[in-house]
Amino acid sequence: MNFVFDVDGTLTASRQRIDPEFAEWFLRFVKNNTVYLASGSDYAKTLEQVGEKICNAVAGVFSCAGNAFYVAGQEQYANPLELTPDELSRLNRLLDESLFPVRTGQHIEMRPGLCNFSVVGRGATLEQRRSYVLYDSQVHERQAIAHTINRQFPRLEATVAGETGVDIYLRGRDKSQIADRVAPFVFFGDKIEPGGNDYTIALRAAVYFKVSSWQETFNLLKHEYGSLAVRTEWDNWKPNRTI
């Protein structure tokens, strides 16, 4: 059985570094099990968040919703994505139409096989991000943006991602594509709801856990799979929790 972990909101706070105590425990778990990371961010950001030891110890890192794949820091493949002028123009109009008052730059970020769109911008401070999170929780702006993109551009698929973003990729190129390479697997993620960027991969997992923080992930791992952090072989595994 393989294990697949989202990063932001699952192994770390959004865009933050992994907790040192959790990192030490998780590294033992990784060394004794087949573990993959599955992030919407690019590889450089995942490396910054969880560190080189974990990135090198896991079986692989799926970046950009599975549109790029790395083993021990070496890129194995990367899918292309280029938005049309019409698609880019619509994103800029959505940015202009937002009633959230703060703009910090880097609103449209192209990654391998994925575009990340953020109204507040990737240059936002922690306080500005929190303000947008509160705003979005009240008006559900990101869900509306994703719905607009999905309705107007049939070749594209958009999902809510992280705390402030919307991930956009070619239809079918979301995280569910990872399942074709790692099944059967146990999945941990924080955006496991319709429209969230962990939803489609969770549907293909043998078992999945919806978490709200890295602390919850840490506690679940210790409770459900704690013994697997210290043994190297295990047989006759059966799922004991499905959420």
C-alpha atoms as a PDB file:
ATOM      1  CA  MET A   1       0.000   0.000   0.000  1.00  0.00           C
ATOM      2  CA  ASN A   2       1.280   3.434  -0.962  1.00  0.00           C
ATOM      3  CA  PHE A   3       0.734   6.670   0.956  1.00  0.00           C
ATOM      4  CA  VAL A   4       0.088   9.987  -0.815  1.00  0.00           C
ATOM      5  CA  PHE A   5       0.151  13.309   1.049  1.00  0.00           C
ATOM      6  CA  ASP A   6      -0.950  16.764   0.018  1.00  0.00           C
ATOM      7  CA  VAL A   7       1.468  19.403   1.362  1.00  0.00           C
ATOM      8  CA  ASP A   8      -0.186  22.798   2.090  1.00  0.00           C
ATOM      9  CA  GLY A   9      -2.669  22.418   4.918  1.00  0.00           C
ATOM     10  CA  THR A  10      -1.801  18.733   5.341  1.00  0.00           C
ATOM     11  CA  LEU A  11       1.919  18.430   6.114  1.00  0.00           C
ATOM     12  CA  THR A  12       2.504  22.146   6.690  1.00  0.00           C
ATOM     13  CA  ALA A  13       0.559  25.301   7.349  1.00  0.00           C
ATOM     14  CA  SER A  14      -0.175  26.969   4.016  1.00  0.00           C
ATOM     15  CA  ARG A  15       3.098  28.073   2.360  1.00  0.00           C
ATOM     16  CA  GLN A  16       5.006  27.493   5.626  1.00  0.00           C
ATOM     17  CA  ARG A  17       7.825  25.136   6.630  1.00  0.00           C
ATOM     18  CA  ILE A  18       7.084  21.793   8.226  1.00  0.00           C
ATOM     19  CA  ASP A  19       7.156  21.638  12.028  1.00  0.00           C
ATOM     20  CA  PRO A  20      10.564  20.233  13.153  1.00  0.00           C
ATOM     21  CA  GLU A  21       9.099  17.572  15.463  1.00  0.00           C
ATOM     22  CA  PHE A  22       6.658  16.413  12.794  1.00  0.00           C
ATOM     23  CA  ALA A  23       9.433  16.427  10.175  1.00  0.00           C
ATOM     24  CA  GLU A  24      11.583  14.110  12.288  1.00  0.00           C
ATOM     25  CA  TRP A  25       8.722  11.656  12.870  1.00  0.00           C
ATOM     26  CA  PHE A  26       7.509  11.842   9.270  1.00  0.00           C
ATOM     27  CA  LEU A  27      11.005  11.127   7.928  1.00  0.00           C
ATOM     28  CA  ARG A  28      11.059   7.852   9.901  1.00  0.00           C
ATOM     29  CA  PHE A  29       7.645   6.999   8.467  1.00  0.00           C
ATOM     30  CA  VAL A  30       8.836   7.801   4.930  1.00  0.00           C
ATOM     31  CA  LYS A  31      11.935   5.635   5.243  1.00  0.00           C
ATOM     32  CA  ASN A  32       9.836   2.612   6.220  1.00  0.00           C
ATOM     33  CA  ASN A  33       6.947   3.023   3.755  1.00  0.00           C
ATOM     34  CA  THR A  34       6.290   3.950   0.139  1.00  0.00           C
ATOM     35  CA  VAL A  35       5.305   7.608   0.320  1.00  0.00           C
ATOM     36  CA  TYR A  36       4.576  10.210  -2.347  1.00  0.00           C
ATOM     37  CA  LEU A  37       3.939  13.940  -2.007  1.00  0.00           C
ATOM     38  CA  ALA A  38       1.250  15.557  -4.171  1.00  0.00           C
ATOM     39  CA  SER A  39       1.274  19.344  -4.264  1.00  0.00           C
ATOM     40  CA  GLY A  40      -0.236  22.036  -6.435  1.00  0.00           C
ATOM     41  CA  SER A  41       2.937  24.065  -5.941  1.00  0.00           C
ATOM     42  CA  ASP A  42       6.105  23.666  -7.976  1.00  0.00           C
ATOM     43  CA  TYR A  43       8.948  21.461  -6.756  1.00  0.00           C
ATOM     44  CA  ALA A  44      11.053  24.361  -5.473  1.00  0.00           C
ATOM     45  CA  LYS A  45       8.278  25.426  -3.108  1.00  0.00           C
ATOM     46  CA  THR A  46       7.735  21.874  -1.823  1.00  0.00           C
ATOM     47  CA  LEU A  47      11.485  21.553  -1.246  1.00  0.00           C
ATOM     48  CA  GLU A  48      11.426  24.778   0.739  1.00  0.00           C
ATOM     49  CA  GLN A  49       8.465  23.619   2.821  1.00  0.00           C
ATOM     50  CA  VAL A  50       9.370  20.038   3.747  1.00  0.00           C
ATOM     51  CA  GLY A  51      13.135  20.050   3.225  1.00  0.00           C
ATOM     52  CA  GLU A  52      15.646  18.145   1.142  1.00  0.00           C
ATOM     53  CA  LYS A  53      15.780  15.081   3.417  1.00  0.00           C
ATOM     54  CA  ILE A  54      12.084  14.337   3.040  1.00  0.00           C
ATOM     55  CA  CYS A  55      12.009  15.191  -0.682  1.00  0.00           C
ATOM     56  CA  ASN A  56      14.883  12.786  -1.312  1.00  0.00           C
ATOM     57  CA  ALA A  57      13.514  10.052   0.956  1.00  0.00           C
ATOM     58  CA  VAL A  58      10.009   9.822  -0.545  1.00  0.00           C
ATOM     59  CA  ALA A  59       9.379   7.621  -3.569  1.00  0.00           C
ATOM     60  CA  GLY A  60       8.535  10.742  -5.559  1.00  0.00           C
ATOM     61  CA  VAL A  61       7.113  14.258  -5.515  1.00  0.00           C
ATOM     62  CA  PHE A  62       4.169  15.060  -7.769  1.00  0.00           C
ATOM     63  CA  SER A  63       4.224  18.817  -8.312  1.00  0.00           C
ATOM     64  CA  CYS A  64       1.683  21.090  -9.990  1.00  0.00           C
ATOM     65  CA  ALA A  65      -1.209  18.652  -9.361  1.00  0.00           C
ATOM     66  CA  GLY A  66       0.754  15.793 -10.878  1.00  0.00           C
ATOM     67  CA  ASN A  67       1.765  17.674 -14.013  1.00  0.00           C
ATOM     68  CA  ALA A  68       5.424  17.321 -13.035  1.00  0.00           C
ATOM     69  CA  PHE A  69       7.149  14.465 -11.198  1.00  0.00           C
ATOM     70  CA  TYR A  70      10.479  14.371  -9.359  1.00  0.00           C
ATOM     71  CA  VAL A  71      12.550  11.566  -7.855  1.00  0.00           C
ATOM     72  CA  ALA A  72      15.401  12.610  -5.556  1.00  0.00           C
ATOM     73  CA  GLY A  73      15.233  16.118  -7.006  1.00  0.00           C
ATOM     74  CA  GLN A  74      15.420  15.000 -10.637  1.00  0.00           C
ATOM     75  CA  GLU A  75      12.550  15.875 -12.957  1.00  0.00           C
ATOM     76  CA  GLN A  76      11.044  12.780 -14.596  1.00  0.00           C
ATOM     77  CA  TYR A  77       8.438  14.567 -16.714  1.00  0.00           C
ATOM     78  CA  ALA A  78       6.579  17.885 -16.997  1.00  0.00           C
ATOM     79  CA  ASN A  79       3.340  18.551 -18.875  1.00  0.00           C
ATOM     80  CA  PRO A  80       3.019  21.822 -20.804  1.00  0.00           C
ATOM     81  CA  LEU A  81       0.228  24.386 -20.456  1.00  0.00           C
ATOM     82  CA  GLU A  82      -0.175  27.661 -22.304  1.00  0.00           C
ATOM     83  CA  LEU A  83      -3.261  29.789 -21.789  1.00  0.00           C
ATOM     84  CA  THR A  84      -4.771  31.542 -24.789  1.00  0.00           C
ATOM     85  CA  PRO A  85      -5.043  35.361 -24.926  1.00  0.00           C
ATOM     86  CA  ASP A  86      -8.798  35.003 -24.380  1.00  0.00           C
ATOM     87  CA  GLU A  87      -8.288  32.856 -21.267  1.00  0.00           C
ATOM     88  CA  LEU A  88      -5.719  35.262 -19.840  1.00  0.00           C
ATOM     89  CA  SER A  89      -7.984  38.217 -20.579  1.00  0.00           C
ATOM     90  CA  ARG A  90     -10.845  36.552 -18.685  1.00  0.00           C
ATOM     91  CA  LEU A  91      -8.609  35.953 -15.650  1.00  0.00           C
ATOM     92  CA  ASN A  92      -7.611  39.609 -15.629  1.00  0.00           C
ATOM     93  CA  ARG A  93     -11.274  40.631 -15.811  1.00  0.00           C
ATOM     94  CA  LEU A  94     -12.071  38.334 -12.876  1.00  0.00           C
ATOM     95  CA  LEU A  95      -9.254  40.038 -10.977  1.00  0.00           C
ATOM     96  CA  ASP A  96     -10.664  43.487 -11.776  1.00  0.00           C
ATOM     97  CA  GLU A  97     -14.202  42.421 -10.807  1.00  0.00           C
ATOM     98  CA  SER A  98     -13.232  41.187  -7.336  1.00  0.00           C
ATOM     99  CA  LEU A  99     -14.403  43.409  -4.481  1.00  0.00           C
ATOM    100  CA  PHE A 100     -11.467  42.424  -2.282  1.00  0.00           C
ATOM    101  CA  PRO A 101      -9.424  45.657  -2.037  1.00  0.00           C
ATOM    102  CA  VAL A 102      -5.849  44.360  -1.720  1.00  0.00           C
ATOM    103  CA  ARG A 103      -3.582  43.520  -4.666  1.00  0.00           C
ATOM    104  CA  THR A 104       0.023  42.419  -4.066  1.00  0.00           C
ATOM    105  CA  GLY A 105       1.174  41.181  -7.492  1.00  0.00           C
ATOM    106  CA  GLN A 106       1.852  37.712  -8.936  1.00  0.00           C
ATOM    107  CA  HIS A 107      -1.843  37.109  -9.535  1.00  0.00           C
ATOM    108  CA  ILE A 108      -1.326  34.712 -12.452  1.00  0.00           C
ATOM    109  CA  GLU A 109       1.534  32.248 -12.023  1.00  0.00           C
ATOM    110  CA  MET A 110       2.282  29.707 -14.734  1.00  0.00           C
ATOM    111  CA  ARG A 111       3.733  26.382 -13.617  1.00  0.00           C
ATOM    112  CA  PRO A 112       4.314  23.132 -15.527  1.00  0.00           C
ATOM    113  CA  GLY A 113       0.851  22.047 -16.636  1.00  0.00           C
ATOM    114  CA  LEU A 114      -0.884  24.402 -14.207  1.00  0.00           C
ATOM    115  CA  CYS A 115      -1.851  28.057 -13.723  1.00  0.00           C
ATOM    116  CA  ASN A 116      -2.332  29.372 -10.192  1.00  0.00           C
ATOM    117  CA  PHE A 117      -4.656  32.372  -9.964  1.00  0.00           C
ATOM    118  CA  SER A 118      -4.897  34.508  -6.817  1.00  0.00           C
ATOM    119  CA  VAL A 119      -6.893  37.697  -6.283  1.00  0.00           C
ATOM    120  CA  VAL A 120      -4.799  38.884  -3.346  1.00  0.00           C
ATOM    121  CA  GLY A 121      -1.610  37.764  -5.097  1.00  0.00           C
ATOM    122  CA  ARG A 122       1.299  35.553  -4.121  1.00  0.00           C
ATOM    123  CA  GLY A 123       3.168  38.596  -2.809  1.00  0.00           C
ATOM    124  CA  ALA A 124       0.718  38.946   0.081  1.00  0.00           C
ATOM    125  CA  THR A 125       1.891  39.103   3.681  1.00  0.00           C
ATOM    126  CA  LEU A 126       0.551  36.621   6.214  1.00  0.00           C
ATOM    127  CA  GLU A 127      -1.868  39.255   7.510  1.00  0.00           C
ATOM    128  CA  GLN A 128      -3.110  40.045   3.992  1.00  0.00           C
ATOM    129  CA  ARG A 129      -3.584  36.339   3.299  1.00  0.00           C
ATOM    130  CA  ARG A 130      -5.605  35.965   6.479  1.00  0.00           C
ATOM    131  CA  SER A 131      -7.786  38.884   5.459  1.00  0.00           C
ATOM    132  CA  TYR A 132      -8.484  37.237   2.122  1.00  0.00           C
ATOM    133  CA  VAL A 133      -9.185  33.853   3.756  1.00  0.00           C
ATOM    134  CA  LEU A 134     -11.804  35.535   5.953  1.00  0.00           C
ATOM    135  CA  TYR A 135     -13.293  37.387   2.973  1.00  0.00           C
ATOM    136  CA  ASP A 136     -13.430  34.243   0.847  1.00  0.00           C
ATOM    137  CA  SER A 137     -15.019  32.223   3.672  1.00  0.00           C
ATOM    138  CA  GLN A 138     -17.869  34.759   3.686  1.00  0.00           C
ATOM    139  CA  VAL A 139     -18.486  35.272  -0.042  1.00  0.00           C
ATOM    140  CA  HIS A 140     -16.976  32.058  -1.542  1.00  0.00           C
ATOM    141  CA  GLU A 141     -15.259  34.053  -4.256  1.00  0.00           C
ATOM    142  CA  ARG A 142     -12.834  31.317  -5.278  1.00  0.00           C
ATOM    143  CA  GLN A 143     -15.642  28.831  -5.830  1.00  0.00           C
ATOM    144  CA  ALA A 144     -17.378  31.381  -8.044  1.00  0.00           C
ATOM    145  CA  ILE A 145     -14.169  32.042 -10.009  1.00  0.00           C
ATOM    146  CA  ALA A 146     -13.580  28.311 -10.539  1.00  0.00           C
ATOM    147  CA  HIS A 147     -17.203  27.870 -11.659  1.00  0.00           C
ATOM    148  CA  THR A 148     -16.846  30.719 -14.155  1.00  0.00           C
ATOM    149  CA  ILE A 149     -13.687  29.260 -15.672  1.00  0.00           C
ATOM    150  CA  ASN A 150     -15.174  25.755 -15.868  1.00  0.00           C
ATOM    151  CA  ARG A 151     -18.318  27.085 -17.545  1.00  0.00           C
ATOM    152  CA  GLN A 152     -16.653  29.389 -20.062  1.00  0.00           C
ATOM    153  CA  PHE A 153     -13.631  27.318 -21.094  1.00  0.00           C
ATOM    154  CA  PRO A 154     -14.446  23.642 -21.774  1.00  0.00           C
ATOM    155  CA  ARG A 155     -10.795  22.642 -22.216  1.00  0.00           C
ATOM    156  CA  LEU A 156      -9.888  23.935 -18.755  1.00  0.00           C
ATOM    157  CA  GLU A 157     -10.648  22.739 -15.252  1.00  0.00           C
ATOM    158  CA  ALA A 158     -10.402  24.976 -12.176  1.00  0.00           C
ATOM    159  CA  THR A 159     -10.452  24.044  -8.494  1.00  0.00           C
ATOM    160  CA  VAL A 160     -10.049  25.874  -5.183  1.00  0.00           C
ATOM    161  CA  ALA A 161      -6.477  25.384  -3.944  1.00  0.00           C
ATOM    162  CA  GLY A 162      -4.545  26.314  -0.822  1.00  0.00           C
ATOM    163  CA  GLU A 163      -5.757  29.288   1.189  1.00  0.00           C
ATOM    164  CA  THR A 164      -6.007  31.988  -1.474  1.00  0.00           C
ATOM    165  CA  GLY A 165      -5.653  30.382  -4.896  1.00  0.00           C
ATOM    166  CA  VAL A 166      -7.469  28.735  -7.756  1.00  0.00           C
ATOM    167  CA  ASP A 167      -5.599  26.073  -9.725  1.00  0.00           C
ATOM    168  CA  ILE A 168      -6.298  25.832 -13.455  1.00  0.00           C
ATOM    169  CA  TYR A 169      -5.197  22.984 -15.744  1.00  0.00           C
ATOM    170  CA  LEU A 170      -6.271  21.133 -18.840  1.00  0.00           C
ATOM    171  CA  ARG A 171      -9.387  19.084 -18.135  1.00  0.00           C
ATOM    172  CA  GLY A 172      -8.426  15.729 -16.637  1.00  0.00           C
ATOM    173  CA  ARG A 173      -4.976  16.974 -15.602  1.00  0.00           C
ATOM    174  CA  ASP A 174      -5.886  17.462 -11.934  1.00  0.00           C
ATOM    175  CA  LYS A 175      -4.509  15.443  -9.015  1.00  0.00           C
ATOM    176  CA  SER A 176      -6.590  12.408  -9.994  1.00  0.00           C
ATOM    177  CA  GLN A 177      -3.984  11.650 -12.687  1.00  0.00           C
ATOM    178  CA  ILE A 178      -1.591  10.703  -9.882  1.00  0.00           C
ATOM    179  CA  ALA A 179      -3.800   7.717  -8.989  1.00  0.00           C
ATOM    180  CA  ASP A 180      -2.876   6.028 -12.274  1.00  0.00           C
ATOM    181  CA  ARG A 181       0.743   5.825 -11.081  1.00  0.00           C
ATOM    182  CA  VAL A 182       0.426   4.954  -7.381  1.00  0.00           C
ATOM    183  CA  ALA A 183      -2.747   2.859  -6.846  1.00  0.00           C
ATOM    184  CA  PRO A 184      -3.639   1.385  -4.443  1.00  0.00           C
ATOM    185  CA  PHE A 185      -2.982   4.183  -1.965  1.00  0.00           C
ATOM    186  CA  VAL A 186      -4.002   5.946   1.241  1.00  0.00           C
ATOM    187  CA  PHE A 187      -4.498   9.690   0.772  1.00  0.00           C
ATOM    188  CA  PHE A 188      -4.283  12.610   3.211  1.00  0.00           C
ATOM    189  CA  GLY A 189      -5.535  16.036   2.108  1.00  0.00           C
ATOM    190  CA  ASP A 190      -7.316  19.157   3.324  1.00  0.00           C
ATOM    191  CA  LYS A 191      -9.359  20.137   0.242  1.00  0.00           C
ATOM    192  CA  ILE A 192     -11.457  16.979  -0.025  1.00  0.00           C
ATOM    193  CA  GLU A 193     -14.798  18.463  -0.966  1.00  0.00           C
ATOM    194  CA  PRO A 194     -16.453  19.044  -4.350  1.00  0.00           C
ATOM    195  CA  GLY A 195     -14.507  21.834  -6.045  1.00  0.00           C
ATOM    196  CA  GLY A 196     -11.415  21.325  -3.875  1.00  0.00           C
ATOM    197  CA  ASN A 197      -8.154  20.299  -5.515  1.00  0.00           C
ATOM    198  CA  ASP A 198      -7.865  17.104  -3.417  1.00  0.00           C
ATOM    199  CA  TYR A 199     -11.385  15.877  -4.163  1.00  0.00           C
ATOM    200  CA  THR A 200     -10.854  13.862  -7.346  1.00  0.00           C
ATOM    201  CA  ILE A 201      -7.743  12.039  -6.130  1.00  0.00           C
ATOM    202  CA  ALA A 202      -9.442  11.179  -2.831  1.00  0.00           C
ATOM    203  CA  LEU A 203     -12.271   9.500  -4.754  1.00  0.00           C
ATOM    204  CA  ARG A 204      -9.716   7.083  -6.222  1.00  0.00           C
ATOM    205  CA  ALA A 205      -7.961   6.270  -2.951  1.00  0.00           C
ATOM    206  CA  ALA A 206      -8.419   2.975  -1.103  1.00  0.00           C
ATOM    207  CA  VAL A 207      -8.717   5.069   2.059  1.00  0.00           C
ATOM    208  CA  TYR A 208      -8.643   8.825   2.494  1.00  0.00           C
ATOM    209  CA  PHE A 209      -8.406  11.194   5.432  1.00  0.00           C
ATOM    210  CA  LYS A 210      -9.741  14.740   5.278  1.00  0.00           C
ATOM    211  CA  VAL A 211      -7.686  16.914   7.624  1.00  0.00           C
ATOM    212  CA  SER A 212      -7.858  20.545   8.644  1.00  0.00           C
ATOM    213  CA  SER A 213      -4.202  21.049   9.658  1.00  0.00           C
ATOM    214  CA  TRP A 214      -0.791  19.415   9.801  1.00  0.00           C
ATOM    215  CA  GLN A 215      -1.404  18.795  13.516  1.00  0.00           C
ATOM    216  CA  GLU A 216      -4.416  16.650  12.645  1.00  0.00           C
ATOM    217  CA  THR A 217      -2.347  14.749  10.080  1.00  0.00           C
ATOM    218  CA  PHE A 218       0.366  14.128  12.677  1.00  0.00           C
ATOM    219  CA  ASN A 219      -2.143  12.863  15.239  1.00  0.00           C
ATOM    220  CA  LEU A 220      -3.910  10.632  12.712  1.00  0.00           C
ATOM    221  CA  LEU A 221      -0.656   9.099  11.536  1.00  0.00           C
ATOM    222  CA  LYS A 222       0.470   8.331  15.059  1.00  0.00           C
ATOM    223  CA  HIS A 223      -2.927   6.879  15.958  1.00  0.00           C
ATOM    224  CA  GLU A 224      -3.665   4.910  12.775  1.00  0.00           C
ATOM    225  CA  TYR A 225      -0.207   4.022  11.474  1.00  0.00           C
ATOM    226  CA  GLY A 226       2.226   4.762  14.289  1.00  0.00           C
ATOM    227  CA  SER A 227       3.791   1.316  14.213  1.00  0.00           C
ATOM    228  CA  LEU A 228       4.617   1.776  10.532  1.00  0.00           C
ATOM    229  CA  ALA A 229       7.131   4.447  11.427  1.00  0.00           C
ATOM    230  CA  VAL A 230       9.401   1.792  12.948  1.00  0.00           C
ATOM    231  CA  ARG A 231       8.900  -1.373  10.905  1.00  0.00           C
ATOM    232  CA  THR A 232       9.931  -1.948   7.324  1.00  0.00           C
ATOM    233  CA  GLU A 233       7.569  -4.709   6.185  1.00  0.00           C
ATOM    234  CA  TRP A 234       3.868  -5.230   6.701  1.00  0.00           C
ATOM    235  CA  ASP A 235       1.466  -7.745   5.215  1.00  0.00           C
ATOM    236  CA  ASN A 236      -2.269  -8.365   5.089  1.00  0.00           C
ATOM    237  CA  TRP A 237      -2.995  -4.644   5.502  1.00  0.00           C
ATOM    238  CA  LYS A 238      -6.669  -3.725   5.702  1.00  0.00           C
ATOM    239  CA  PRO A 239      -8.104  -0.204   5.855  1.00  0.00           C
ATOM    240  CA  ASN A 240      -9.361   0.585   9.330  1.00  0.00           C
ATOM    241  CA  ARG A 241     -10.713   4.049   8.726  1.00  0.00           C
ATOM    242  CA  THR A 242     -12.417   5.734   5.814  1.00  0.00           C
ATOM    243  CA  ILE A 243     -13.555   9.325   6.077  1.00  0.00           C
END
